[in-house]
């Protein structure tokens, strides 16, 4: 007589509420619905309004976000706190996990709520031009996905004083700076305390004199 294994479902185990950081590619959580010996025979189904934003590995029971790319990007992306895609647009994703097996279809459903939390993301700085000219103002734009940008914040403008060495320009502490003759031959950059990138402008060029046509005398 041969005794076959009957895969039996147990109570679905795993947290029902999960807090998950935005921009995280790791798994959300692990879930089980059987003994370790029967795990390979478990099939998982996801249900609920936000279920299509997730995938669950079989047989491991590892739940992950599975968010489609947003044009023009072509690759999948991690959750973004500033751009929620859940049914309520509030970063609270609700779904139900339904395990089953070939010999036990009595689903021990588990409702799960995943809340995406905000992460402090540094801002980025852009310059109005990468080709500054003496006596022509250069302005900065700070983008910060987490907060409304304070336009009155202090800035630090710098010029090169040698190879990869920089010095602050006295009095240049606003979002706009007009290069002077002292900047000729140097690179310029603007820094903000919350920015991850500090763009560099080329060496300021002196304005070229405008050419005048010759004026012919009247006959």
C-alpha atoms as a PDB file:
ATOM      1  CA  UNK A   1       0.000   0.000   0.000  1.00  0.00           C
ATOM      2  CA  UNK A   2       1.277   3.427  -0.939  1.00  0.00           C
ATOM      3  CA  UNK A   3       0.435   6.343   1.280  1.00  0.00           C
ATOM      4  CA  UNK A   4       0.183   9.641  -0.589  1.00  0.00           C
ATOM      5  CA  UNK A   5       0.677  13.031   0.930  1.00  0.00           C
ATOM      6  CA  UNK A   6      -2.424  15.162   1.336  1.00  0.00           C
ATOM      7  CA  UNK A   7      -1.569  18.852   1.271  1.00  0.00           C
ATOM      8  CA  UNK A   8      -3.532  20.455   4.040  1.00  0.00           C
ATOM      9  CA  UNK A   9      -4.073  24.149   4.448  1.00  0.00           C
ATOM     10  CA  UNK A  10      -3.451  25.665   7.832  1.00  0.00           C
ATOM     11  CA  UNK A  11      -4.420  29.080   9.077  1.00  0.00           C
ATOM     12  CA  UNK A  12      -2.902  31.735   6.839  1.00  0.00           C
ATOM     13  CA  UNK A  13      -0.135  33.380   8.820  1.00  0.00           C
ATOM     14  CA  UNK A  14       1.461  36.756   8.291  1.00  0.00           C
ATOM     15  CA  UNK A  15       0.872  40.371   9.333  1.00  0.00           C
ATOM     16  CA  UNK A  16      -2.444  41.938   8.380  1.00  0.00           C
ATOM     17  CA  UNK A  17      -1.052  45.483   8.501  1.00  0.00           C
ATOM     18  CA  UNK A  18       2.285  46.402   6.970  1.00  0.00           C
ATOM     19  CA  UNK A  19       4.079  49.761   6.701  1.00  0.00           C
ATOM     20  CA  UNK A  20       6.357  49.887   3.675  1.00  0.00           C
ATOM     21  CA  UNK A  21       8.818  52.621   2.665  1.00  0.00           C
ATOM     22  CA  UNK A  22       8.416  54.264  -0.709  1.00  0.00           C
ATOM     23  CA  UNK A  23      11.112  53.568  -3.337  1.00  0.00           C
ATOM     24  CA  UNK A  24      11.814  50.164  -1.749  1.00  0.00           C
ATOM     25  CA  UNK A  25      12.297  47.204  -4.120  1.00  0.00           C
ATOM     26  CA  UNK A  26      12.363  44.530  -1.393  1.00  0.00           C
ATOM     27  CA  UNK A  27       9.535  42.153  -0.554  1.00  0.00           C
ATOM     28  CA  UNK A  28       6.620  43.532   1.415  1.00  0.00           C
ATOM     29  CA  UNK A  29       6.172  40.523   3.718  1.00  0.00           C
ATOM     30  CA  UNK A  30       6.134  36.709   3.899  1.00  0.00           C
ATOM     31  CA  UNK A  31       2.981  34.597   4.292  1.00  0.00           C
ATOM     32  CA  UNK A  32       2.370  30.902   4.943  1.00  0.00           C
ATOM     33  CA  UNK A  33      -0.716  28.687   4.851  1.00  0.00           C
ATOM     34  CA  UNK A  34       0.663  25.196   5.439  1.00  0.00           C
ATOM     35  CA  UNK A  35       3.393  23.221   7.091  1.00  0.00           C
ATOM     36  CA  UNK A  36       6.886  23.540   5.634  1.00  0.00           C
ATOM     37  CA  UNK A  37       6.531  20.019   4.188  1.00  0.00           C
ATOM     38  CA  UNK A  38       3.416  21.008   2.230  1.00  0.00           C
ATOM     39  CA  UNK A  39       4.551  24.463   1.142  1.00  0.00           C
ATOM     40  CA  UNK A  40       5.478  23.410  -2.418  1.00  0.00           C
ATOM     41  CA  UNK A  41       1.878  22.424  -3.107  1.00  0.00           C
ATOM     42  CA  UNK A  42       0.344  25.790  -2.192  1.00  0.00           C
ATOM     43  CA  UNK A  43      -1.098  28.111  -4.839  1.00  0.00           C
ATOM     44  CA  UNK A  44      -1.750  31.775  -4.002  1.00  0.00           C
ATOM     45  CA  UNK A  45      -4.443  34.058  -5.402  1.00  0.00           C
ATOM     46  CA  UNK A  46      -4.685  37.793  -4.740  1.00  0.00           C
ATOM     47  CA  UNK A  47      -8.052  39.514  -4.589  1.00  0.00           C
ATOM     48  CA  UNK A  48      -9.345  42.986  -3.806  1.00  0.00           C
ATOM     49  CA  UNK A  49      -9.342  46.459  -5.357  1.00  0.00           C
ATOM     50  CA  UNK A  50      -5.577  46.900  -5.056  1.00  0.00           C
ATOM     51  CA  UNK A  51      -4.556  43.291  -5.702  1.00  0.00           C
ATOM     52  CA  UNK A  52      -3.317  43.967  -9.245  1.00  0.00           C
ATOM     53  CA  UNK A  53      -0.564  46.186  -7.814  1.00  0.00           C
ATOM     54  CA  UNK A  54       1.051  43.143  -6.169  1.00  0.00           C
ATOM     55  CA  UNK A  55       2.482  39.719  -6.944  1.00  0.00           C
ATOM     56  CA  UNK A  56       3.112  36.788  -4.631  1.00  0.00           C
ATOM     57  CA  UNK A  57       5.757  34.153  -5.218  1.00  0.00           C
ATOM     58  CA  UNK A  58       4.892  30.461  -5.207  1.00  0.00           C
ATOM     59  CA  UNK A  59       5.571  28.537  -3.133  1.00  0.00           C
ATOM     60  CA  UNK A  60       7.473  30.946  -0.875  1.00  0.00           C
ATOM     61  CA  UNK A  61       4.557  33.301  -0.167  1.00  0.00           C
ATOM     62  CA  UNK A  62       6.683  36.442  -0.637  1.00  0.00           C
ATOM     63  CA  UNK A  63       4.431  39.419  -1.354  1.00  0.00           C
ATOM     64  CA  UNK A  64       5.875  42.240  -3.484  1.00  0.00           C
ATOM     65  CA  UNK A  65       4.694  45.387  -5.187  1.00  0.00           C
ATOM     66  CA  UNK A  66       4.248  44.883  -8.933  1.00  0.00           C
ATOM     67  CA  UNK A  67       3.633  48.372 -10.301  1.00  0.00           C
ATOM     68  CA  UNK A  68       3.506  49.071 -14.026  1.00  0.00           C
ATOM     69  CA  UNK A  69       5.895  51.583 -15.548  1.00  0.00           C
ATOM     70  CA  UNK A  70       4.656  55.129 -16.095  1.00  0.00           C
ATOM     71  CA  UNK A  71       5.454  56.615 -19.499  1.00  0.00           C
ATOM     72  CA  UNK A  72       8.074  57.511 -20.617  1.00  0.00           C
ATOM     73  CA  UNK A  73       9.700  54.918 -18.301  1.00  0.00           C
ATOM     74  CA  UNK A  74       9.661  51.331 -19.588  1.00  0.00           C
ATOM     75  CA  UNK A  75      10.589  49.455 -16.416  1.00  0.00           C
ATOM     76  CA  UNK A  76       8.469  48.634 -13.398  1.00  0.00           C
ATOM     77  CA  UNK A  77       8.860  50.934 -10.431  1.00  0.00           C
ATOM     78  CA  UNK A  78       8.684  50.755  -6.638  1.00  0.00           C
ATOM     79  CA  UNK A  79       5.837  52.514  -4.803  1.00  0.00           C
ATOM     80  CA  UNK A  80       5.983  56.316  -4.805  1.00  0.00           C
ATOM     81  CA  UNK A  81       4.436  58.141  -1.851  1.00  0.00           C
ATOM     82  CA  UNK A  82       3.973  61.313  -3.883  1.00  0.00           C
ATOM     83  CA  UNK A  83       2.171  59.400  -6.668  1.00  0.00           C
ATOM     84  CA  UNK A  84      -0.129  56.811  -5.017  1.00  0.00           C
ATOM     85  CA  UNK A  85      -1.986  54.425  -7.322  1.00  0.00           C
ATOM     86  CA  UNK A  86      -4.186  52.609  -4.799  1.00  0.00           C
ATOM     87  CA  UNK A  87      -7.960  52.747  -5.179  1.00  0.00           C
ATOM     88  CA  UNK A  88      -8.250  55.514  -2.590  1.00  0.00           C
ATOM     89  CA  UNK A  89      -5.206  57.539  -3.723  1.00  0.00           C
ATOM     90  CA  UNK A  90      -4.087  57.659  -0.084  1.00  0.00           C
ATOM     91  CA  UNK A  91      -1.130  55.207  -0.074  1.00  0.00           C
ATOM     92  CA  UNK A  92      -3.225  52.546   1.698  1.00  0.00           C
ATOM     93  CA  UNK A  93      -3.344  49.373  -0.403  1.00  0.00           C
ATOM     94  CA  UNK A  94      -5.882  46.710   0.545  1.00  0.00           C
ATOM     95  CA  UNK A  95      -5.927  43.145  -0.739  1.00  0.00           C
ATOM     96  CA  UNK A  96      -6.869  39.613   0.257  1.00  0.00           C
ATOM     97  CA  UNK A  97      -4.573  36.558   0.112  1.00  0.00           C
ATOM     98  CA  UNK A  98      -6.260  33.279  -0.844  1.00  0.00           C
ATOM     99  CA  UNK A  99      -4.182  30.076  -0.549  1.00  0.00           C
ATOM    100  CA  UNK A 100      -5.335  26.775  -2.052  1.00  0.00           C
ATOM    101  CA  UNK A 101      -3.997  23.306  -2.862  1.00  0.00           C
ATOM    102  CA  UNK A 102      -5.027  20.447  -5.185  1.00  0.00           C
ATOM    103  CA  UNK A 103      -6.513  18.553  -2.229  1.00  0.00           C
ATOM    104  CA  UNK A 104      -7.768  21.418  -0.100  1.00  0.00           C
ATOM    105  CA  UNK A 105      -9.637  24.302  -1.674  1.00  0.00           C
ATOM    106  CA  UNK A 106     -11.126  25.690   1.510  1.00  0.00           C
ATOM    107  CA  UNK A 107      -9.390  29.050   1.270  1.00  0.00           C
ATOM    108  CA  UNK A 108      -8.151  30.451   4.558  1.00  0.00           C
ATOM    109  CA  UNK A 109      -8.360  34.037   3.345  1.00  0.00           C
ATOM    110  CA  UNK A 110      -6.312  36.793   4.967  1.00  0.00           C
ATOM    111  CA  UNK A 111      -6.992  40.482   4.485  1.00  0.00           C
ATOM    112  CA  UNK A 112      -3.840  42.596   4.311  1.00  0.00           C
ATOM    113  CA  UNK A 113      -3.413  46.385   4.388  1.00  0.00           C
ATOM    114  CA  UNK A 114      -0.110  47.824   3.138  1.00  0.00           C
ATOM    115  CA  UNK A 115       0.546  51.491   3.920  1.00  0.00           C
ATOM    116  CA  UNK A 116       3.312  53.201   1.957  1.00  0.00           C
ATOM    117  CA  UNK A 117       5.263  55.679   4.101  1.00  0.00           C
ATOM    118  CA  UNK A 118       7.019  58.836   2.981  1.00  0.00           C
ATOM    119  CA  UNK A 119      10.799  58.858   2.687  1.00  0.00           C
ATOM    120  CA  UNK A 120      12.867  62.035   2.808  1.00  0.00           C
ATOM    121  CA  UNK A 121      14.058  62.473  -0.765  1.00  0.00           C
ATOM    122  CA  UNK A 122      16.711  65.118  -1.433  1.00  0.00           C
ATOM    123  CA  UNK A 123      15.908  67.729  -4.028  1.00  0.00           C
ATOM    124  CA  UNK A 124      17.747  68.579  -7.231  1.00  0.00           C
ATOM    125  CA  UNK A 125      19.077  71.876  -8.550  1.00  0.00           C
ATOM    126  CA  UNK A 126      18.966  73.061 -12.150  1.00  0.00           C
ATOM    127  CA  UNK A 127      20.576  76.155 -13.656  1.00  0.00           C
ATOM    128  CA  UNK A 128      18.893  78.355 -16.235  1.00  0.00           C
ATOM    129  CA  UNK A 129      21.941  77.933 -18.475  1.00  0.00           C
ATOM    130  CA  UNK A 130      25.119  75.883 -18.607  1.00  0.00           C
ATOM    131  CA  UNK A 131      26.791  78.617 -20.692  1.00  0.00           C
ATOM    132  CA  UNK A 132      26.893  81.712 -18.453  1.00  0.00           C
ATOM    133  CA  UNK A 133      27.983  85.103 -19.745  1.00  0.00           C
ATOM    134  CA  UNK A 134      29.420  88.020 -17.854  1.00  0.00           C
ATOM    135  CA  UNK A 135      26.743  90.566 -16.908  1.00  0.00           C
ATOM    136  CA  UNK A 136      23.922  88.114 -17.762  1.00  0.00           C
ATOM    137  CA  UNK A 137      22.053  86.672 -14.756  1.00  0.00           C
ATOM    138  CA  UNK A 138      21.985  82.906 -14.087  1.00  0.00           C
ATOM    139  CA  UNK A 139      19.097  81.568 -11.992  1.00  0.00           C
ATOM    140  CA  UNK A 140      18.550  78.339 -10.067  1.00  0.00           C
ATOM    141  CA  UNK A 141      15.515  76.091  -9.726  1.00  0.00           C
ATOM    142  CA  UNK A 142      15.193  73.698  -6.779  1.00  0.00           C
ATOM    143  CA  UNK A 143      12.828  70.735  -7.070  1.00  0.00           C
ATOM    144  CA  UNK A 144      11.949  68.793  -3.926  1.00  0.00           C
ATOM    145  CA  UNK A 145       9.360  65.994  -4.200  1.00  0.00           C
ATOM    146  CA  UNK A 146       8.602  66.076  -0.456  1.00  0.00           C
ATOM    147  CA  UNK A 147       7.921  69.723   0.303  1.00  0.00           C
ATOM    148  CA  UNK A 148       6.892  73.030  -1.205  1.00  0.00           C
ATOM    149  CA  UNK A 149      10.141  74.748  -2.071  1.00  0.00           C
ATOM    150  CA  UNK A 150      10.938  77.866  -0.064  1.00  0.00           C
ATOM    151  CA  UNK A 151      11.913  80.427  -2.689  1.00  0.00           C
ATOM    152  CA  UNK A 152      13.505  82.654  -0.042  1.00  0.00           C
ATOM    153  CA  UNK A 153      16.077  80.050   0.998  1.00  0.00           C
ATOM    154  CA  UNK A 154      19.752  80.970   1.061  1.00  0.00           C
ATOM    155  CA  UNK A 155      22.055  79.756  -1.702  1.00  0.00           C
ATOM    156  CA  UNK A 156      25.799  79.391  -1.972  1.00  0.00           C
ATOM    157  CA  UNK A 157      27.363  80.346  -5.297  1.00  0.00           C
ATOM    158  CA  UNK A 158      30.935  79.221  -5.879  1.00  0.00           C
ATOM    159  CA  UNK A 159      33.672  79.608  -8.467  1.00  0.00           C
ATOM    160  CA  UNK A 160      36.665  77.386  -9.119  1.00  0.00           C
ATOM    161  CA  UNK A 161      39.998  78.532  -7.742  1.00  0.00           C
ATOM    162  CA  UNK A 162      42.013  75.613  -9.091  1.00  0.00           C
ATOM    163  CA  UNK A 163      41.620  72.009 -10.142  1.00  0.00           C
ATOM    164  CA  UNK A 164      38.517  70.706  -8.348  1.00  0.00           C
ATOM    165  CA  UNK A 165      38.696  73.412  -5.686  1.00  0.00           C
ATOM    166  CA  UNK A 166      35.880  75.860  -5.064  1.00  0.00           C
ATOM    167  CA  UNK A 167      35.450  79.117  -3.155  1.00  0.00           C
ATOM    168  CA  UNK A 168      32.249  80.873  -2.134  1.00  0.00           C
ATOM    169  CA  UNK A 169      31.474  84.106  -3.971  1.00  0.00           C
ATOM    170  CA  UNK A 170      30.983  86.905  -1.441  1.00  0.00           C
ATOM    171  CA  UNK A 171      27.418  88.194  -1.336  1.00  0.00           C
ATOM    172  CA  UNK A 172      26.072  85.586  -3.782  1.00  0.00           C
ATOM    173  CA  UNK A 173      23.375  84.029  -1.568  1.00  0.00           C
ATOM    174  CA  UNK A 174      20.170  84.295  -3.600  1.00  0.00           C
ATOM    175  CA  UNK A 175      18.632  82.146  -6.327  1.00  0.00           C
ATOM    176  CA  UNK A 176      20.076  84.399  -9.035  1.00  0.00           C
ATOM    177  CA  UNK A 177      23.660  85.451  -9.694  1.00  0.00           C
ATOM    178  CA  UNK A 178      25.133  87.709 -12.345  1.00  0.00           C
ATOM    179  CA  UNK A 179      28.696  86.729 -13.293  1.00  0.00           C
ATOM    180  CA  UNK A 180      31.308  89.467 -13.151  1.00  0.00           C
ATOM    181  CA  UNK A 181      34.711  89.919 -14.696  1.00  0.00           C
ATOM    182  CA  UNK A 182      36.179  88.154 -11.641  1.00  0.00           C
ATOM    183  CA  UNK A 183      34.446  84.951 -12.771  1.00  0.00           C
ATOM    184  CA  UNK A 184      36.057  84.863 -16.211  1.00  0.00           C
ATOM    185  CA  UNK A 185      38.058  81.678 -16.640  1.00  0.00           C
ATOM    186  CA  UNK A 186      36.325  79.918 -13.717  1.00  0.00           C
ATOM    187  CA  UNK A 187      33.503  77.397 -13.489  1.00  0.00           C
ATOM    188  CA  UNK A 188      30.437  78.360 -11.465  1.00  0.00           C
ATOM    189  CA  UNK A 189      28.034  76.333  -9.376  1.00  0.00           C
ATOM    190  CA  UNK A 190      25.139  76.884  -6.947  1.00  0.00           C
ATOM    191  CA  UNK A 191      24.520  74.751  -3.869  1.00  0.00           C
ATOM    192  CA  UNK A 192      21.443  74.170  -1.736  1.00  0.00           C
ATOM    193  CA  UNK A 193      21.535  72.220   1.561  1.00  0.00           C
ATOM    194  CA  UNK A 194      18.724  69.825   0.507  1.00  0.00           C
ATOM    195  CA  UNK A 195      19.848  69.089  -3.046  1.00  0.00           C
ATOM    196  CA  UNK A 196      21.493  65.841  -4.119  1.00  0.00           C
ATOM    197  CA  UNK A 197      22.984  67.299  -7.290  1.00  0.00           C
ATOM    198  CA  UNK A 198      24.957  70.490  -7.736  1.00  0.00           C
ATOM    199  CA  UNK A 199      24.999  71.442 -11.413  1.00  0.00           C
ATOM    200  CA  UNK A 200      28.068  73.185 -12.734  1.00  0.00           C
ATOM    201  CA  UNK A 201      28.061  75.911 -15.350  1.00  0.00           C
ATOM    202  CA  UNK A 202      30.853  76.451 -17.812  1.00  0.00           C
ATOM    203  CA  UNK A 203      33.301  79.325 -17.596  1.00  0.00           C
ATOM    204  CA  UNK A 204      31.505  82.654 -18.195  1.00  0.00           C
ATOM    205  CA  UNK A 205      32.189  84.189 -21.566  1.00  0.00           C
ATOM    206  CA  UNK A 206      32.617  87.877 -22.204  1.00  0.00           C
ATOM    207  CA  UNK A 207      29.889  89.342 -24.429  1.00  0.00           C
ATOM    208  CA  UNK A 208      30.985  89.640 -28.026  1.00  0.00           C
ATOM    209  CA  UNK A 209      30.650  93.096 -29.584  1.00  0.00           C
ATOM    210  CA  UNK A 210      27.851  93.321 -32.104  1.00  0.00           C
ATOM    211  CA  UNK A 211      29.087  93.740 -35.676  1.00  0.00           C
ATOM    212  CA  UNK A 212      27.910  96.804 -37.552  1.00  0.00           C
ATOM    213  CA  UNK A 213      27.358  96.895 -41.265  1.00  0.00           C
ATOM    214  CA  UNK A 214      29.123  99.429 -43.334  1.00  0.00           C
ATOM    215  CA  UNK A 215      26.957 102.282 -44.402  1.00  0.00           C
ATOM    216  CA  UNK A 216      27.323 103.173 -48.009  1.00  0.00           C
ATOM    217  CA  UNK A 217      27.213 106.809 -49.006  1.00  0.00           C
ATOM    218  CA  UNK A 218      24.316 108.011 -51.022  1.00  0.00           C
ATOM    219  CA  UNK A 219      24.979 108.562 -54.681  1.00  0.00           C
END
